[in-house]
């Protein structure tokens, strides 16, 4: 999509021997399903829309390449291409548009999961189980399974915050 799709998946050999490009397959499926293009998707979220490819992407060479592929029409940019191309807010691993969808869906999934709502009680989890859930977070889970991460995570309260760069001695 944006030079970020593994080569082996662009030349993927199916069990029947056919070689396919999964990046192309993703775009074709998105189009077939009627997913709005990037600009329209942002409009539906009441977000601003880039007027130019330079506004979409901070890398001038990549912006020019996307512009050429889409024939200079920013309205034709596919959703996934736009999501990967758009400028990311400082400290974010993915785009602002993708983050908004993530937040919407994460809260809905949590609110509809019985183990986080009506069944989050001692009769289901046991008092010890509830205490374990309360006393642990992503950081403690990662360190339990990968203790070698401790130097990179030292001083962090949140596993999703940037980790320290650690060099081998």
C-alpha atoms as a PDB file:
ATOM      1  CA  UNK A   1       0.000   0.000   0.000  1.00  0.00           C
ATOM      2  CA  UNK A   2       2.562   2.610   1.073  1.00  0.00           C
ATOM      3  CA  UNK A   3       5.733   0.602   0.838  1.00  0.00           C
ATOM      4  CA  UNK A   4       4.707  -0.883   4.172  1.00  0.00           C
ATOM      5  CA  UNK A   5       3.255  -4.194   3.006  1.00  0.00           C
ATOM      6  CA  UNK A   6       5.574  -7.224   3.300  1.00  0.00           C
ATOM      7  CA  UNK A   7       6.981  -8.370  -0.047  1.00  0.00           C
ATOM      8  CA  UNK A   8       6.121 -12.005   0.636  1.00  0.00           C
ATOM      9  CA  UNK A   9       2.443 -11.020   0.987  1.00  0.00           C
ATOM     10  CA  UNK A  10       2.587  -9.144  -2.316  1.00  0.00           C
ATOM     11  CA  UNK A  11       3.723 -12.381  -3.942  1.00  0.00           C
ATOM     12  CA  UNK A  12       1.771 -14.830  -1.794  1.00  0.00           C
ATOM     13  CA  UNK A  13       1.389 -18.378  -3.024  1.00  0.00           C
ATOM     14  CA  UNK A  14      -1.995 -19.809  -2.141  1.00  0.00           C
ATOM     15  CA  UNK A  15      -2.374 -23.528  -1.335  1.00  0.00           C
ATOM     16  CA  UNK A  16      -3.726 -24.052  -4.880  1.00  0.00           C
ATOM     17  CA  UNK A  17      -0.477 -22.613  -6.310  1.00  0.00           C
ATOM     18  CA  UNK A  18      -1.914 -19.295  -7.507  1.00  0.00           C
ATOM     19  CA  UNK A  19       0.258 -16.280  -6.701  1.00  0.00           C
ATOM     20  CA  UNK A  20      -1.664 -13.227  -5.503  1.00  0.00           C
ATOM     21  CA  UNK A  21      -0.924  -9.750  -4.176  1.00  0.00           C
ATOM     22  CA  UNK A  22      -2.734  -9.447  -0.833  1.00  0.00           C
ATOM     23  CA  UNK A  23      -2.319  -5.653  -0.756  1.00  0.00           C
ATOM     24  CA  UNK A  24      -4.253  -5.404  -4.004  1.00  0.00           C
ATOM     25  CA  UNK A  25      -6.797  -7.898  -2.709  1.00  0.00           C
ATOM     26  CA  UNK A  26      -7.351  -5.733   0.388  1.00  0.00           C
ATOM     27  CA  UNK A  27      -8.032  -2.636  -1.710  1.00  0.00           C
ATOM     28  CA  UNK A  28     -10.342  -4.483  -4.112  1.00  0.00           C
ATOM     29  CA  UNK A  29     -12.347  -5.964  -1.214  1.00  0.00           C
ATOM     30  CA  UNK A  30     -12.675  -2.575   0.473  1.00  0.00           C
ATOM     31  CA  UNK A  31     -13.973  -1.089  -2.775  1.00  0.00           C
ATOM     32  CA  UNK A  32     -16.344  -4.009  -3.403  1.00  0.00           C
ATOM     33  CA  UNK A  33     -17.796  -3.651   0.102  1.00  0.00           C
ATOM     34  CA  UNK A  34     -18.584  -0.005  -0.562  1.00  0.00           C
ATOM     35  CA  UNK A  35     -16.296   1.406   2.112  1.00  0.00           C
ATOM     36  CA  UNK A  36     -16.109   5.167   1.570  1.00  0.00           C
ATOM     37  CA  UNK A  37     -12.901   6.621   0.192  1.00  0.00           C
ATOM     38  CA  UNK A  38     -10.593   8.404   2.642  1.00  0.00           C
ATOM     39  CA  UNK A  39     -11.933  11.972   2.257  1.00  0.00           C
ATOM     40  CA  UNK A  40     -15.568  10.888   2.428  1.00  0.00           C
ATOM     41  CA  UNK A  41     -14.844   8.719   5.463  1.00  0.00           C
ATOM     42  CA  UNK A  42     -13.357  11.726   7.272  1.00  0.00           C
ATOM     43  CA  UNK A  43     -16.362  13.850   6.284  1.00  0.00           C
ATOM     44  CA  UNK A  44     -18.664  11.231   7.788  1.00  0.00           C
ATOM     45  CA  UNK A  45     -16.692  11.589  11.033  1.00  0.00           C
ATOM     46  CA  UNK A  46     -17.070  15.397  10.804  1.00  0.00           C
ATOM     47  CA  UNK A  47     -13.315  15.760  10.351  1.00  0.00           C
ATOM     48  CA  UNK A  48     -11.472  18.115   8.028  1.00  0.00           C
ATOM     49  CA  UNK A  49     -10.396  16.746   4.668  1.00  0.00           C
ATOM     50  CA  UNK A  50      -7.002  17.354   3.038  1.00  0.00           C
ATOM     51  CA  UNK A  51      -7.223  19.537  -0.056  1.00  0.00           C
ATOM     52  CA  UNK A  52      -3.899  18.367  -1.448  1.00  0.00           C
ATOM     53  CA  UNK A  53      -1.699  15.295  -1.306  1.00  0.00           C
ATOM     54  CA  UNK A  54       0.929  17.355   0.533  1.00  0.00           C
ATOM     55  CA  UNK A  55      -1.646  17.977   3.295  1.00  0.00           C
ATOM     56  CA  UNK A  56      -2.354  14.243   3.448  1.00  0.00           C
ATOM     57  CA  UNK A  57       1.231  13.027   3.718  1.00  0.00           C
ATOM     58  CA  UNK A  58       4.282  14.695   5.256  1.00  0.00           C
ATOM     59  CA  UNK A  59       6.730  12.861   2.979  1.00  0.00           C
ATOM     60  CA  UNK A  60       6.832  14.938  -0.258  1.00  0.00           C
ATOM     61  CA  UNK A  61       8.071  12.040  -2.405  1.00  0.00           C
ATOM     62  CA  UNK A  62       5.380   9.696  -1.133  1.00  0.00           C
ATOM     63  CA  UNK A  63       2.714  12.415  -1.508  1.00  0.00           C
ATOM     64  CA  UNK A  64       3.780  12.885  -5.151  1.00  0.00           C
ATOM     65  CA  UNK A  65       3.680   9.135  -5.770  1.00  0.00           C
ATOM     66  CA  UNK A  66       0.179   8.816  -4.270  1.00  0.00           C
ATOM     67  CA  UNK A  67      -0.950  11.804  -6.325  1.00  0.00           C
ATOM     68  CA  UNK A  68       0.334  10.169  -9.490  1.00  0.00           C
ATOM     69  CA  UNK A  69      -1.333   6.827  -8.686  1.00  0.00           C
ATOM     70  CA  UNK A  70      -4.689   8.513  -8.021  1.00  0.00           C
ATOM     71  CA  UNK A  71      -4.495  10.760 -11.086  1.00  0.00           C
ATOM     72  CA  UNK A  72      -4.272  13.918  -8.998  1.00  0.00           C
ATOM     73  CA  UNK A  73      -7.728  13.356  -7.447  1.00  0.00           C
ATOM     74  CA  UNK A  74      -7.480  13.395  -3.648  1.00  0.00           C
ATOM     75  CA  UNK A  75     -11.129  12.272  -3.469  1.00  0.00           C
ATOM     76  CA  UNK A  76     -10.186   8.894  -4.988  1.00  0.00           C
ATOM     77  CA  UNK A  77      -7.656   7.935  -2.300  1.00  0.00           C
ATOM     78  CA  UNK A  78      -8.699   4.625  -0.766  1.00  0.00           C
ATOM     79  CA  UNK A  79      -9.427   4.615   2.958  1.00  0.00           C
ATOM     80  CA  UNK A  80      -6.553   2.323   3.970  1.00  0.00           C
ATOM     81  CA  UNK A  81      -4.052   4.259   1.871  1.00  0.00           C
ATOM     82  CA  UNK A  82      -5.195   7.526   3.452  1.00  0.00           C
ATOM     83  CA  UNK A  83      -5.091   6.086   6.974  1.00  0.00           C
ATOM     84  CA  UNK A  84      -1.501   4.922   6.501  1.00  0.00           C
ATOM     85  CA  UNK A  85      -0.406   8.071   4.665  1.00  0.00           C
ATOM     86  CA  UNK A  86      -1.912  10.712   6.942  1.00  0.00           C
ATOM     87  CA  UNK A  87       0.271  12.555   9.393  1.00  0.00           C
ATOM     88  CA  UNK A  88       0.288  10.941  12.822  1.00  0.00           C
ATOM     89  CA  UNK A  89      -0.105  13.066  15.918  1.00  0.00           C
ATOM     90  CA  UNK A  90       3.066  13.274  18.016  1.00  0.00           C
ATOM     91  CA  UNK A  91       3.500  10.135  20.088  1.00  0.00           C
ATOM     92  CA  UNK A  92       0.821   8.183  18.207  1.00  0.00           C
ATOM     93  CA  UNK A  93       1.497   4.815  16.579  1.00  0.00           C
ATOM     94  CA  UNK A  94      -1.296   5.342  14.059  1.00  0.00           C
ATOM     95  CA  UNK A  95      -3.303   8.107  12.456  1.00  0.00           C
ATOM     96  CA  UNK A  96      -5.819  10.373  14.154  1.00  0.00           C
ATOM     97  CA  UNK A  97      -8.616   8.986  11.983  1.00  0.00           C
ATOM     98  CA  UNK A  98      -7.767   5.386  12.926  1.00  0.00           C
ATOM     99  CA  UNK A  99      -7.450   6.416  16.587  1.00  0.00           C
ATOM    100  CA  UNK A 100     -10.982   7.831  16.606  1.00  0.00           C
ATOM    101  CA  UNK A 101     -12.381   4.571  15.244  1.00  0.00           C
ATOM    102  CA  UNK A 102     -10.290   2.591  17.746  1.00  0.00           C
ATOM    103  CA  UNK A 103     -11.671   4.638  20.654  1.00  0.00           C
ATOM    104  CA  UNK A 104     -15.267   4.212  19.446  1.00  0.00           C
ATOM    105  CA  UNK A 105     -14.928   0.481  18.987  1.00  0.00           C
ATOM    106  CA  UNK A 106     -12.857  -0.194  22.121  1.00  0.00           C
ATOM    107  CA  UNK A 107     -15.407   1.410  24.413  1.00  0.00           C
ATOM    108  CA  UNK A 108     -18.261  -0.439  22.694  1.00  0.00           C
ATOM    109  CA  UNK A 109     -16.472  -3.756  22.984  1.00  0.00           C
ATOM    110  CA  UNK A 110     -15.752  -3.206  26.663  1.00  0.00           C
ATOM    111  CA  UNK A 111     -19.303  -2.097  27.389  1.00  0.00           C
ATOM    112  CA  UNK A 112     -20.728  -5.163  25.664  1.00  0.00           C
ATOM    113  CA  UNK A 113     -18.374  -7.703  27.278  1.00  0.00           C
ATOM    114  CA  UNK A 114     -20.179  -9.394  30.149  1.00  0.00           C
ATOM    115  CA  UNK A 115     -16.892 -10.100  31.931  1.00  0.00           C
ATOM    116  CA  UNK A 116     -16.255  -6.354  32.216  1.00  0.00           C
ATOM    117  CA  UNK A 117     -19.853  -5.452  33.076  1.00  0.00           C
ATOM    118  CA  UNK A 118     -22.524  -7.575  34.753  1.00  0.00           C
ATOM    119  CA  UNK A 119     -20.229 -10.544  35.476  1.00  0.00           C
ATOM    120  CA  UNK A 120     -17.341  -8.535  36.922  1.00  0.00           C
ATOM    121  CA  UNK A 121     -18.109  -9.753  40.431  1.00  0.00           C
ATOM    122  CA  UNK A 122     -16.692 -12.165  43.020  1.00  0.00           C
ATOM    123  CA  UNK A 123     -19.214 -14.917  42.207  1.00  0.00           C
ATOM    124  CA  UNK A 124     -17.742 -15.161  38.698  1.00  0.00           C
ATOM    125  CA  UNK A 125     -14.077 -14.195  39.162  1.00  0.00           C
ATOM    126  CA  UNK A 126     -13.604 -15.018  42.883  1.00  0.00           C
ATOM    127  CA  UNK A 127     -12.256 -12.363  45.254  1.00  0.00           C
ATOM    128  CA  UNK A 128      -8.665 -13.388  44.384  1.00  0.00           C
ATOM    129  CA  UNK A 129      -9.416 -13.119  40.658  1.00  0.00           C
ATOM    130  CA  UNK A 130     -10.890  -9.629  41.045  1.00  0.00           C
ATOM    131  CA  UNK A 131      -7.839  -8.560  43.048  1.00  0.00           C
ATOM    132  CA  UNK A 132      -5.527  -9.943  40.343  1.00  0.00           C
ATOM    133  CA  UNK A 133      -7.368  -7.933  37.662  1.00  0.00           C
ATOM    134  CA  UNK A 134      -7.184  -4.780  39.794  1.00  0.00           C
ATOM    135  CA  UNK A 135      -3.463  -5.208  40.574  1.00  0.00           C
ATOM    136  CA  UNK A 136      -2.276  -5.882  37.020  1.00  0.00           C
ATOM    137  CA  UNK A 137      -2.059  -3.966  33.782  1.00  0.00           C
ATOM    138  CA  UNK A 138      -0.448  -4.376  30.369  1.00  0.00           C
ATOM    139  CA  UNK A 139       2.966  -3.499  31.791  1.00  0.00           C
ATOM    140  CA  UNK A 140       2.853  -6.211  34.476  1.00  0.00           C
ATOM    141  CA  UNK A 141       1.558  -8.782  31.978  1.00  0.00           C
ATOM    142  CA  UNK A 142       4.399  -7.989  29.533  1.00  0.00           C
ATOM    143  CA  UNK A 143       7.027  -8.140  32.268  1.00  0.00           C
ATOM    144  CA  UNK A 144       5.667 -11.427  33.609  1.00  0.00           C
ATOM    145  CA  UNK A 145       6.126 -13.071  30.227  1.00  0.00           C
ATOM    146  CA  UNK A 146       9.129 -11.075  28.979  1.00  0.00           C
ATOM    147  CA  UNK A 147      11.209 -10.026  32.009  1.00  0.00           C
ATOM    148  CA  UNK A 148      14.032  -8.962  29.671  1.00  0.00           C
ATOM    149  CA  UNK A 149      11.899  -5.895  28.826  1.00  0.00           C
ATOM    150  CA  UNK A 150      12.348  -4.519  32.341  1.00  0.00           C
ATOM    151  CA  UNK A 151      15.222  -2.107  31.446  1.00  0.00           C
ATOM    152  CA  UNK A 152      13.204  -0.593  28.581  1.00  0.00           C
ATOM    153  CA  UNK A 153      10.094  -0.196  30.743  1.00  0.00           C
ATOM    154  CA  UNK A 154      11.803   1.015  33.921  1.00  0.00           C
ATOM    155  CA  UNK A 155       9.981   4.035  35.313  1.00  0.00           C
ATOM    156  CA  UNK A 156       6.955   3.649  33.043  1.00  0.00           C
ATOM    157  CA  UNK A 157       3.490   3.374  34.519  1.00  0.00           C
ATOM    158  CA  UNK A 158       1.901   2.843  31.120  1.00  0.00           C
ATOM    159  CA  UNK A 159       3.062   0.134  28.704  1.00  0.00           C
ATOM    160  CA  UNK A 160       1.684   2.175  25.812  1.00  0.00           C
ATOM    161  CA  UNK A 161       3.958   5.147  26.513  1.00  0.00           C
ATOM    162  CA  UNK A 162       7.264   5.279  24.597  1.00  0.00           C
ATOM    163  CA  UNK A 163       9.826   2.899  26.055  1.00  0.00           C
ATOM    164  CA  UNK A 164      13.438   3.757  26.812  1.00  0.00           C
ATOM    165  CA  UNK A 165      15.998   2.772  24.181  1.00  0.00           C
ATOM    166  CA  UNK A 166      18.284   0.145  25.694  1.00  0.00           C
ATOM    167  CA  UNK A 167      21.622  -0.835  24.247  1.00  0.00           C
ATOM    168  CA  UNK A 168      23.317  -4.140  24.886  1.00  0.00           C
ATOM    169  CA  UNK A 169      26.346  -4.022  27.148  1.00  0.00           C
END
